[in-house]
């Protein structure tokens, strides 16, 4: 990804928004809703893909920096990215909580 932790965190949120939107609007897109063997297989594939995407977004650049000898900067970037993602997640939780009152 990038060396900008906020951009990395926003990329993770964008990926999550895309996946959640597809899951939420799936029935209107013609995706079958009945239980079949294909459903758990698809969900496990989606889970595996999500782990790979999140690992790339959060750790690709920090690992490269670490391997190139910039250990402190690499660890710092990883922590800042996770921290920025935590702040965005907290904001989303606050919006969700406050939406119940309005």
PDB file of N, CA and C in Angstrom:
ATOM      1  N   UNK A   1       0.841  -1.182   0.000  1.00  0.00           N
ATOM      2  CA  UNK A   1       0.000   0.000   0.000  1.00  0.00           C
ATOM      3  C   UNK A   1       0.877   1.233   0.000  1.00  0.00           C
ATOM      4  N   UNK A   2       0.567   2.173   0.881  1.00  0.00           N
ATOM      5  CA  UNK A   2       1.301   3.437   0.896  1.00  0.00           C
ATOM      6  C   UNK A   2       1.996   3.591   2.242  1.00  0.00           C
ATOM      7  N   UNK A   3       2.719   4.672   2.373  1.00  0.00           N
ATOM      8  CA  UNK A   3       3.349   4.993   3.655  1.00  0.00           C
ATOM      9  C   UNK A   3       2.486   5.958   4.449  1.00  0.00           C
ATOM     10  N   UNK A   4       1.244   6.141   4.025  1.00  0.00           N
ATOM     11  CA  UNK A   4       0.298   7.015   4.706  1.00  0.00           C
ATOM     12  C   UNK A   4      -0.696   6.138   5.484  1.00  0.00           C
ATOM     13  N   UNK A   5      -0.624   6.121   6.821  1.00  0.00           N
ATOM     14  CA  UNK A   5      -1.492   5.229   7.591  1.00  0.00           C
ATOM     15  C   UNK A   5      -2.976   5.539   7.442  1.00  0.00           C
ATOM     16  N   UNK A   6      -3.319   6.806   7.262  1.00  0.00           N
ATOM     17  CA  UNK A   6      -4.732   7.170   7.113  1.00  0.00           C
ATOM     18  C   UNK A   6      -5.275   6.649   5.787  1.00  0.00           C
ATOM     19  N   UNK A   7      -4.498   6.769   4.725  1.00  0.00           N
ATOM     20  CA  UNK A   7      -4.910   6.248   3.425  1.00  0.00           C
ATOM     21  C   UNK A   7      -5.050   4.724   3.472  1.00  0.00           C
ATOM     22  N   UNK A   8      -4.132   4.060   4.162  1.00  0.00           N
ATOM     23  CA  UNK A   8      -4.216   2.606   4.314  1.00  0.00           C
ATOM     24  C   UNK A   8      -5.490   2.211   5.061  1.00  0.00           C
ATOM     25  N   UNK A   9      -5.782   2.908   6.149  1.00  0.00           N
ATOM     26  CA  UNK A   9      -6.989   2.609   6.932  1.00  0.00           C
ATOM     27  C   UNK A   9      -8.250   2.882   6.126  1.00  0.00           C
ATOM     28  N   UNK A  10      -8.259   3.973   5.374  1.00  0.00           N
ATOM     29  CA  UNK A  10      -9.416   4.283   4.529  1.00  0.00           C
ATOM     30  C   UNK A  10      -9.590   3.244   3.419  1.00  0.00           C
ATOM     31  N   UNK A  11      -8.488   2.715   2.915  1.00  0.00           N
ATOM     32  CA  UNK A  11      -8.567   1.646   1.912  1.00  0.00           C
ATOM     33  C   UNK A  11      -9.226   0.406   2.504  1.00  0.00           C
ATOM     34  N   UNK A  12      -8.887   0.086   3.744  1.00  0.00           N
ATOM     35  CA  UNK A  12      -9.504  -1.059   4.411  1.00  0.00           C
ATOM     36  C   UNK A  12     -10.999  -0.821   4.597  1.00  0.00           C
ATOM     37  N   UNK A  13     -11.372   0.378   5.006  1.00  0.00           N
ATOM     38  CA  UNK A  13     -12.786   0.704   5.190  1.00  0.00           C
ATOM     39  C   UNK A  13     -13.530   0.644   3.855  1.00  0.00           C
ATOM     40  N   UNK A  14     -12.907   1.121   2.795  1.00  0.00           N
ATOM     41  CA  UNK A  14     -13.533   1.067   1.472  1.00  0.00           C
ATOM     42  C   UNK A  14     -13.789  -0.388   1.065  1.00  0.00           C
ATOM     43  N   UNK A  15     -12.807  -1.264   1.264  1.00  0.00           N
ATOM     44  CA  UNK A  15     -12.985  -2.680   0.937  1.00  0.00           C
ATOM     45  C   UNK A  15     -14.143  -3.267   1.749  1.00  0.00           C
ATOM     46  N   UNK A  16     -14.190  -2.956   3.034  1.00  0.00           N
ATOM     47  CA  UNK A  16     -15.262  -3.464   3.896  1.00  0.00           C
ATOM     48  C   UNK A  16     -16.612  -2.936   3.428  1.00  0.00           C
ATOM     49  N   UNK A  17     -16.674  -1.666   3.047  1.00  0.00           N
ATOM     50  CA  UNK A  17     -17.931  -1.086   2.555  1.00  0.00           C
ATOM     51  C   UNK A  17     -18.402  -1.784   1.282  1.00  0.00           C
ATOM     52  N   UNK A  18     -17.490  -2.092   0.396  1.00  0.00           N
ATOM     53  CA  UNK A  18     -17.856  -2.777  -0.847  1.00  0.00           C
ATOM     54  C   UNK A  18     -18.399  -4.169  -0.549  1.00  0.00           C
ATOM     55  N   UNK A  19     -17.697  -4.927   0.289  1.00  0.00           N
ATOM     56  CA  UNK A  19     -18.146  -6.281   0.621  1.00  0.00           C
ATOM     57  C   UNK A  19     -19.486  -6.238   1.357  1.00  0.00           C
ATOM     58  N   UNK A  20     -19.625  -5.334   2.322  1.00  0.00           N
ATOM     59  CA  UNK A  20     -20.871  -5.237   3.079  1.00  0.00           C
ATOM     60  C   UNK A  20     -22.028  -4.817   2.181  1.00  0.00           C
ATOM     61  N   UNK A  21     -21.787  -3.919   1.240  1.00  0.00           N
ATOM     62  CA  UNK A  21     -22.843  -3.492   0.323  1.00  0.00           C
ATOM     63  C   UNK A  21     -23.300  -4.640  -0.564  1.00  0.00           C
ATOM     64  N   UNK A  22     -22.355  -5.422  -1.057  1.00  0.00           N
ATOM     65  CA  UNK A  22     -22.720  -6.580  -1.874  1.00  0.00           C
ATOM     66  C   UNK A  22     -23.527  -7.577  -1.049  1.00  0.00           C
ATOM     67  N   UNK A  23     -23.125  -7.798   0.198  1.00  0.00           N
ATOM     68  CA  UNK A  23     -23.867  -8.727   1.048  1.00  0.00           C
ATOM     69  C   UNK A  23     -25.259  -8.177   1.380  1.00  0.00           C
ATOM     70  N   UNK A  24     -25.355  -6.875   1.636  1.00  0.00           N
ATOM     71  CA  UNK A  24     -26.625  -6.267   2.020  1.00  0.00           C
ATOM     72  C   UNK A  24     -27.604  -6.224   0.848  1.00  0.00           C
ATOM     73  N   UNK A  25     -27.086  -5.838  -0.313  1.00  0.00           N
ATOM     74  CA  UNK A  25     -27.949  -5.699  -1.482  1.00  0.00           C
ATOM     75  C   UNK A  25     -27.946  -6.945  -2.374  1.00  0.00           C
ATOM     76  N   UNK A  26     -27.353  -8.027  -1.892  1.00  0.00           N
ATOM     77  CA  UNK A  26     -27.221  -9.239  -2.693  1.00  0.00           C
ATOM     78  C   UNK A  26     -28.530  -9.798  -3.192  1.00  0.00           C
ATOM     79  N   UNK A  27     -29.549  -9.786  -2.353  1.00  0.00           N
ATOM     80  CA  UNK A  27     -30.832 -10.359  -2.778  1.00  0.00           C
ATOM     81  C   UNK A  27     -31.453  -9.548  -3.914  1.00  0.00           C
ATOM     82  N   UNK A  28     -31.241  -8.246  -3.925  1.00  0.00           N
ATOM     83  CA  UNK A  28     -31.789  -7.439  -5.011  1.00  0.00           C
ATOM     84  C   UNK A  28     -30.957  -7.561  -6.284  1.00  0.00           C
ATOM     85  N   UNK A  29     -29.743  -8.109  -6.142  1.00  0.00           N
ATOM     86  CA  UNK A  29     -28.894  -8.327  -7.319  1.00  0.00           C
ATOM     87  C   UNK A  29     -29.132  -9.687  -7.955  1.00  0.00           C
ATOM     88  N   UNK A  30     -30.050 -10.455  -7.381  1.00  0.00           N
ATOM     89  CA  UNK A  30     -30.364 -11.766  -7.944  1.00  0.00           C
ATOM     90  C   UNK A  30     -29.570 -12.903  -7.340  1.00  0.00           C
ATOM     91  N   UNK A  31     -28.854 -12.646  -6.249  1.00  0.00           N
ATOM     92  CA  UNK A  31     -28.102 -13.708  -5.588  1.00  0.00           C
ATOM     93  C   UNK A  31     -29.096 -14.595  -4.845  1.00  0.00           C
ATOM     94  N   UNK A  32     -29.048 -15.917  -5.047  1.00  0.00           N
ATOM     95  CA  UNK A  32     -30.004 -16.793  -4.372  1.00  0.00           C
ATOM     96  C   UNK A  32     -29.817 -16.764  -2.861  1.00  0.00           C
ATOM     97  N   UNK A  33     -30.915 -16.811  -2.123  1.00  0.00           N
ATOM     98  CA  UNK A  33     -30.852 -16.732  -0.664  1.00  0.00           C
ATOM     99  C   UNK A  33     -31.074 -18.082   0.013  1.00  0.00           C
ATOM    100  N   UNK A  34     -31.444 -19.121  -0.741  1.00  0.00           N
ATOM    101  CA  UNK A  34     -31.677 -20.413  -0.107  1.00  0.00           C
ATOM    102  C   UNK A  34     -30.346 -21.042   0.313  1.00  0.00           C
ATOM    103  N   UNK A  35     -30.424 -21.858   1.347  1.00  0.00           N
ATOM    104  CA  UNK A  35     -29.232 -22.512   1.868  1.00  0.00           C
ATOM    105  C   UNK A  35     -28.829 -23.661   0.953  1.00  0.00           C
ATOM    106  N   UNK A  36     -27.605 -23.609   0.497  1.00  0.00           N
ATOM    107  CA  UNK A  36     -27.035 -24.683  -0.302  1.00  0.00           C
ATOM    108  C   UNK A  36     -25.604 -24.907   0.186  1.00  0.00           C
ATOM    109  N   UNK A  37     -24.985 -25.952  -0.289  1.00  0.00           N
ATOM    110  CA  UNK A  37     -23.592 -26.215   0.068  1.00  0.00           C
ATOM    111  C   UNK A  37     -22.680 -25.107  -0.441  1.00  0.00           C
ATOM    112  N   UNK A  38     -23.094 -24.466  -1.503  1.00  0.00           N
ATOM    113  CA  UNK A  38     -22.282 -23.404  -2.085  1.00  0.00           C
ATOM    114  C   UNK A  38     -22.166 -22.183  -1.172  1.00  0.00           C
ATOM    115  N   UNK A  39     -23.164 -21.938  -0.324  1.00  0.00           N
ATOM    116  CA  UNK A  39     -23.138 -20.759   0.549  1.00  0.00           C
ATOM    117  C   UNK A  39     -21.971 -20.802   1.549  1.00  0.00           C
ATOM    118  N   UNK A  40     -21.790 -21.876   2.346  1.00  0.00           N
ATOM    119  CA  UNK A  40     -20.639 -21.870   3.261  1.00  0.00           C
ATOM    120  C   UNK A  40     -19.296 -21.872   2.537  1.00  0.00           C
ATOM    121  N   UNK A  41     -19.241 -22.512   1.380  1.00  0.00           N
ATOM    122  CA  UNK A  41     -17.996 -22.494   0.602  1.00  0.00           C
ATOM    123  C   UNK A  41     -17.684 -21.067   0.169  1.00  0.00           C
ATOM    124  N   UNK A  42     -18.692 -20.369  -0.318  1.00  0.00           N
ATOM    125  CA  UNK A  42     -18.510 -18.982  -0.755  1.00  0.00           C
ATOM    126  C   UNK A  42     -18.105 -18.083   0.414  1.00  0.00           C
ATOM    127  N   UNK A  43     -18.728 -18.275   1.564  1.00  0.00           N
ATOM    128  CA  UNK A  43     -18.411 -17.444   2.728  1.00  0.00           C
ATOM    129  C   UNK A  43     -16.980 -17.702   3.213  1.00  0.00           C
ATOM    130  N   UNK A  44     -16.542 -18.952   3.195  1.00  0.00           N
ATOM    131  CA  UNK A  44     -15.162 -19.244   3.582  1.00  0.00           C
ATOM    132  C   UNK A  44     -14.163 -18.663   2.580  1.00  0.00           C
ATOM    133  N   UNK A  45     -14.514 -18.692   1.305  1.00  0.00           N
ATOM    134  CA  UNK A  45     -13.659 -18.069   0.290  1.00  0.00           C
ATOM    135  C   UNK A  45     -13.596 -16.560   0.498  1.00  0.00           C
ATOM    136  N   UNK A  46     -14.736 -15.951   0.787  1.00  0.00           N
ATOM    137  CA  UNK A  46     -14.768 -14.512   1.046  1.00  0.00           C
ATOM    138  C   UNK A  46     -13.951 -14.166   2.289  1.00  0.00           C
ATOM    139  N   UNK A  47     -14.067 -14.986   3.321  1.00  0.00           N
ATOM    140  CA  UNK A  47     -13.283 -14.765   4.538  1.00  0.00           C
ATOM    141  C   UNK A  47     -11.785 -14.840   4.234  1.00  0.00           C
ATOM    142  N   UNK A  48     -11.376 -15.854   3.472  1.00  0.00           N
ATOM    143  CA  UNK A  48      -9.958 -16.005   3.126  1.00  0.00           C
ATOM    144  C   UNK A  48      -9.469 -14.833   2.279  1.00  0.00           C
ATOM    145  N   UNK A  49     -10.287 -14.414   1.332  1.00  0.00           N
ATOM    146  CA  UNK A  49      -9.931 -13.255   0.511  1.00  0.00           C
ATOM    147  C   UNK A  49      -9.802 -11.998   1.370  1.00  0.00           C
ATOM    148  N   UNK A  50     -10.715 -11.822   2.298  1.00  0.00           N
ATOM    149  CA  UNK A  50     -10.684 -10.643   3.169  1.00  0.00           C
ATOM    150  C   UNK A  50      -9.438 -10.631   4.047  1.00  0.00           C
ATOM    151  N   UNK A  51      -9.045 -11.779   4.553  1.00  0.00           N
ATOM    152  CA  UNK A  51      -7.817 -11.854   5.353  1.00  0.00           C
ATOM    153  C   UNK A  51      -6.612 -11.451   4.502  1.00  0.00           C
ATOM    154  N   UNK A  52      -6.562 -11.943   3.272  1.00  0.00           N
ATOM    155  CA  UNK A  52      -5.446 -11.606   2.393  1.00  0.00           C
ATOM    156  C   UNK A  52      -5.429 -10.115   2.049  1.00  0.00           C
ATOM    157  N   UNK A  53      -6.596  -9.553   1.754  1.00  0.00           N
ATOM    158  CA  UNK A  53      -6.671  -8.128   1.409  1.00  0.00           C
ATOM    159  C   UNK A  53      -6.274  -7.270   2.612  1.00  0.00           C
ATOM    160  N   UNK A  54      -6.787  -7.594   3.780  1.00  0.00           N
ATOM    161  CA  UNK A  54      -6.462  -6.807   4.967  1.00  0.00           C
ATOM    162  C   UNK A  54      -4.979  -6.939   5.340  1.00  0.00           C
ATOM    163  N   UNK A  55      -4.424  -8.126   5.175  1.00  0.00           N
ATOM    164  CA  UNK A  55      -2.993  -8.295   5.447  1.00  0.00           C
ATOM    165  C   UNK A  55      -2.171  -7.426   4.503  1.00  0.00           C
ATOM    166  N   UNK A  56      -2.561  -7.380   3.238  1.00  0.00           N
ATOM    167  CA  UNK A  56      -1.856  -6.540   2.279  1.00  0.00           C
ATOM    168  C   UNK A  56      -1.984  -5.062   2.647  1.00  0.00           C
ATOM    169  N   UNK A  57      -3.200  -4.632   2.950  1.00  0.00           N
ATOM    170  CA  UNK A  57      -3.435  -3.215   3.260  1.00  0.00           C
ATOM    171  C   UNK A  57      -2.681  -2.788   4.516  1.00  0.00           C
ATOM    172  N   UNK A  58      -2.708  -3.626   5.536  1.00  0.00           N
ATOM    173  CA  UNK A  58      -2.123  -3.234   6.816  1.00  0.00           C
ATOM    174  C   UNK A  58      -0.624  -3.498   6.917  1.00  0.00           C
ATOM    175  N   UNK A  59      -0.122  -4.548   6.278  1.00  0.00           N
ATOM    176  CA  UNK A  59       1.232  -4.982   6.606  1.00  0.00           C
ATOM    177  C   UNK A  59       2.220  -5.053   5.447  1.00  0.00           C
ATOM    178  N   UNK A  60       1.797  -4.907   4.204  1.00  0.00           N
ATOM    179  CA  UNK A  60       2.732  -5.025   3.085  1.00  0.00           C
ATOM    180  C   UNK A  60       3.848  -3.985   3.171  1.00  0.00           C
ATOM    181  N   UNK A  61       3.483  -2.724   3.225  1.00  0.00           N
ATOM    182  CA  UNK A  61       4.492  -1.664   3.271  1.00  0.00           C
ATOM    183  C   UNK A  61       5.331  -1.717   4.553  1.00  0.00           C
ATOM    184  N   UNK A  62       4.735  -1.913   5.735  1.00  0.00           N
ATOM    185  CA  UNK A  62       5.568  -2.011   6.932  1.00  0.00           C
ATOM    186  C   UNK A  62       6.572  -3.168   6.887  1.00  0.00           C
ATOM    187  N   UNK A  63       6.161  -4.306   6.324  1.00  0.00           N
ATOM    188  CA  UNK A  63       7.089  -5.443   6.221  1.00  0.00           C
ATOM    189  C   UNK A  63       8.224  -5.106   5.259  1.00  0.00           C
ATOM    190  N   UNK A  64       7.908  -4.457   4.145  1.00  0.00           N
ATOM    191  CA  UNK A  64       8.969  -4.029   3.223  1.00  0.00           C
ATOM    192  C   UNK A  64       9.950  -3.090   3.915  1.00  0.00           C
ATOM    193  N   UNK A  65       9.419  -2.137   4.652  1.00  0.00           N
ATOM    194  CA  UNK A  65      10.284  -1.198   5.361  1.00  0.00           C
ATOM    195  C   UNK A  65      11.137  -1.927   6.395  1.00  0.00           C
ATOM    196  N   UNK A  66      10.540  -2.859   7.086  1.00  0.00           N
ATOM    197  CA  UNK A  66      11.257  -3.630   8.106  1.00  0.00           C
ATOM    198  C   UNK A  66      12.397  -4.423   7.458  1.00  0.00           C
ATOM    199  N   UNK A  67      12.103  -5.063   6.327  1.00  0.00           N
ATOM    200  CA  UNK A  67      13.104  -5.882   5.647  1.00  0.00           C
ATOM    201  C   UNK A  67      14.237  -5.035   5.061  1.00  0.00           C
ATOM    202  N   UNK A  68      13.941  -3.780   4.718  1.00  0.00           N
ATOM    203  CA  UNK A  68      14.957  -2.886   4.160  1.00  0.00           C
ATOM    204  C   UNK A  68      15.791  -2.208   5.239  1.00  0.00           C
ATOM    205  N   UNK A  69      15.575  -2.571   6.491  1.00  0.00           N
ATOM    206  CA  UNK A  69      16.370  -2.024   7.576  1.00  0.00           C
ATOM    207  C   UNK A  69      15.729  -0.862   8.302  1.00  0.00           C
ATOM    208  N   UNK A  70      14.571  -0.428   7.846  1.00  0.00           N
ATOM    209  CA  UNK A  70      13.870   0.660   8.520  1.00  0.00           C
ATOM    210  C   UNK A  70      12.895   0.061   9.536  1.00  0.00           C
ATOM    211  N   UNK A  71      13.443  -0.662  10.494  1.00  0.00           N
ATOM    212  CA  UNK A  71      12.609  -1.426  11.428  1.00  0.00           C
ATOM    213  C   UNK A  71      11.673  -0.543  12.234  1.00  0.00           C
ATOM    214  N   UNK A  72      12.198   0.504  12.816  1.00  0.00           N
ATOM    215  CA  UNK A  72      11.368   1.375  13.658  1.00  0.00           C
ATOM    216  C   UNK A  72      10.267   2.042  12.840  1.00  0.00           C
ATOM    217  N   UNK A  73      10.608   2.513  11.641  1.00  0.00           N
ATOM    218  CA  UNK A  73       9.598   3.162  10.789  1.00  0.00           C
ATOM    219  C   UNK A  73       8.533   2.172  10.323  1.00  0.00           C
ATOM    220  N   UNK A  74       8.961   0.935  10.041  1.00  0.00           N
ATOM    221  CA  UNK A  74       8.007  -0.084   9.613  1.00  0.00           C
ATOM    222  C   UNK A  74       7.018  -0.436  10.709  1.00  0.00           C
ATOM    223  N   UNK A  75       7.529  -0.640  11.916  1.00  0.00           N
ATOM    224  CA  UNK A  75       6.653  -0.950  13.052  1.00  0.00           C
ATOM    225  C   UNK A  75       5.742   0.239  13.347  1.00  0.00           C
ATOM    226  N   UNK A  76       6.307   1.439  13.273  1.00  0.00           N
ATOM    227  CA  UNK A  76       5.534   2.645  13.535  1.00  0.00           C
ATOM    228  C   UNK A  76       4.399   2.798  12.514  1.00  0.00           C
ATOM    229  N   UNK A  77       4.676   2.534  11.240  1.00  0.00           N
ATOM    230  CA  UNK A  77       3.646   2.634  10.209  1.00  0.00           C
ATOM    231  C   UNK A  77       2.534   1.615  10.456  1.00  0.00           C
ATOM    232  N   UNK A  78       2.902   0.399  10.812  1.00  0.00           N
ATOM    233  CA  UNK A  78       1.885  -0.628  11.097  1.00  0.00           C
ATOM    234  C   UNK A  78       1.001  -0.200  12.265  1.00  0.00           C
ATOM    235  N   UNK A  79       1.610   0.300  13.327  1.00  0.00           N
ATOM    236  CA  UNK A  79       0.840   0.726  14.497  1.00  0.00           C
ATOM    237  C   UNK A  79      -0.038   1.944  14.175  1.00  0.00           C
ATOM    238  N   UNK A  80       0.490   2.868  13.394  1.00  0.00           N
ATOM    239  CA  UNK A  80      -0.306   4.042  13.021  1.00  0.00           C
ATOM    240  C   UNK A  80      -1.489   3.650  12.140  1.00  0.00           C
ATOM    241  N   UNK A  81      -1.279   2.704  11.233  1.00  0.00           N
ATOM    242  CA  UNK A  81      -2.369   2.256  10.368  1.00  0.00           C
ATOM    243  C   UNK A  81      -3.463   1.582  11.186  1.00  0.00           C
ATOM    244  N   UNK A  82      -3.069   0.701  12.095  1.00  0.00           N
ATOM    245  CA  UNK A  82      -4.054   0.040  12.957  1.00  0.00           C
ATOM    246  C   UNK A  82      -4.749   1.079  13.840  1.00  0.00           C
ATOM    247  N   UNK A  83      -3.996   2.051  14.336  1.00  0.00           N
ATOM    248  CA  UNK A  83      -4.584   3.108  15.156  1.00  0.00           C
ATOM    249  C   UNK A  83      -5.581   3.940  14.376  1.00  0.00           C
ATOM    250  N   UNK A  84      -5.237   4.308  13.138  1.00  0.00           N
ATOM    251  CA  UNK A  84      -6.164   5.085  12.299  1.00  0.00           C
ATOM    252  C   UNK A  84      -7.420   4.276  12.005  1.00  0.00           C
ATOM    253  N   UNK A  85      -7.253   2.973  11.758  1.00  0.00           N
ATOM    254  CA  UNK A  85      -8.404   2.104  11.519  1.00  0.00           C
ATOM    255  C   UNK A  85      -9.271   2.010  12.775  1.00  0.00           C
ATOM    256  N   UNK A  86      -8.645   1.960  13.944  1.00  0.00           N
ATOM    257  CA  UNK A  86      -9.397   1.915  15.201  1.00  0.00           C
ATOM    258  C   UNK A  86     -10.197   3.198  15.411  1.00  0.00           C
ATOM    259  N   UNK A  87      -9.617   4.339  15.068  1.00  0.00           N
ATOM    260  CA  UNK A  87     -10.326   5.620  15.200  1.00  0.00           C
ATOM    261  C   UNK A  87     -11.519   5.658  14.243  1.00  0.00           C
ATOM    262  N   UNK A  88     -11.322   5.229  12.998  1.00  0.00           N
ATOM    263  CA  UNK A  88     -12.424   5.199  12.036  1.00  0.00           C
ATOM    264  C   UNK A  88     -13.523   4.260  12.519  1.00  0.00           C
ATOM    265  N   UNK A  89     -13.132   3.109  13.047  1.00  0.00           N
ATOM    266  CA  UNK A  89     -14.110   2.148  13.573  1.00  0.00           C
ATOM    267  C   UNK A  89     -14.878   2.749  14.746  1.00  0.00           C
ATOM    268  N   UNK A  90     -14.193   3.458  15.634  1.00  0.00           N
ATOM    269  CA  UNK A  90     -14.859   4.097  16.771  1.00  0.00           C
ATOM    270  C   UNK A  90     -15.842   5.170  16.293  1.00  0.00           C
ATOM    271  N   UNK A  91     -15.466   5.908  15.270  1.00  0.00           N
ATOM    272  CA  UNK A  91     -16.370   6.922  14.710  1.00  0.00           C
ATOM    273  C   UNK A  91     -17.614   6.261  14.122  1.00  0.00           C
ATOM    274  N   UNK A  92     -17.421   5.145  13.419  1.00  0.00           N
ATOM    275  CA  UNK A  92     -18.566   4.423  12.859  1.00  0.00           C
ATOM    276  C   UNK A  92     -19.484   3.893  13.955  1.00  0.00           C
ATOM    277  N   UNK A  93     -18.897   3.368  15.032  1.00  0.00           N
ATOM    278  CA  UNK A  93     -19.710   2.910  16.164  1.00  0.00           C
ATOM    279  C   UNK A  93     -20.474   4.074  16.788  1.00  0.00           C
ATOM    280  N   UNK A  94     -19.823   5.217  16.928  1.00  0.00           N
ATOM    281  CA  UNK A  94     -20.491   6.392  17.493  1.00  0.00           C
ATOM    282  C   UNK A  94     -21.645   6.844  16.598  1.00  0.00           C
ATOM    283  N   UNK A  95     -21.429   6.834  15.290  1.00  0.00           N
ATOM    284  CA  UNK A  95     -22.513   7.193  14.361  1.00  0.00           C
ATOM    285  C   UNK A  95     -23.659   6.213  14.458  1.00  0.00           C
ATOM    286  N   UNK A  96     -23.343   4.938  14.555  1.00  0.00           N
ATOM    287  CA  UNK A  96     -24.373   3.920  14.686  1.00  0.00           C
ATOM    288  C   UNK A  96     -25.166   4.106  15.983  1.00  0.00           C
ATOM    289  N   UNK A  97     -24.454   4.374  17.071  1.00  0.00           N
ATOM    290  CA  UNK A  97     -25.101   4.583  18.363  1.00  0.00           C
ATOM    291  C   UNK A  97     -25.963   5.844  18.349  1.00  0.00           C
ATOM    292  N   UNK A  98     -25.409   6.930  17.805  1.00  0.00           N
ATOM    293  CA  UNK A  98     -26.156   8.199  17.779  1.00  0.00           C
ATOM    294  C   UNK A  98     -27.328   8.158  16.826  1.00  0.00           C
ATOM    295  N   UNK A  99     -27.270   7.307  15.786  1.00  0.00           N
ATOM    296  CA  UNK A  99     -28.371   7.246  14.842  1.00  0.00           C
ATOM    297  C   UNK A  99     -29.649   6.700  15.495  1.00  0.00           C
ATOM    298  N   UNK A 100     -29.520   6.016  16.590  1.00  0.00           N
ATOM    299  CA  UNK A 100     -30.690   5.480  17.292  1.00  0.00           C
ATOM    300  C   UNK A 100     -31.464   6.598  17.982  1.00  0.00           C
ATOM    301  N   UNK A 101     -30.827   7.739  18.197  1.00  0.00           N
ATOM    302  CA  UNK A 101     -31.486   8.848  18.874  1.00  0.00           C
ATOM    303  C   UNK A 101     -32.062   9.883  17.915  1.00  0.00           C
ATOM    304  N   UNK A 102     -31.743   9.773  16.643  1.00  0.00           N
ATOM    305  CA  UNK A 102     -32.199  10.775  15.677  1.00  0.00           C
ATOM    306  C   UNK A 102     -33.024  10.151  14.588  1.00  0.00           C
TER     307      UNK A 102
END
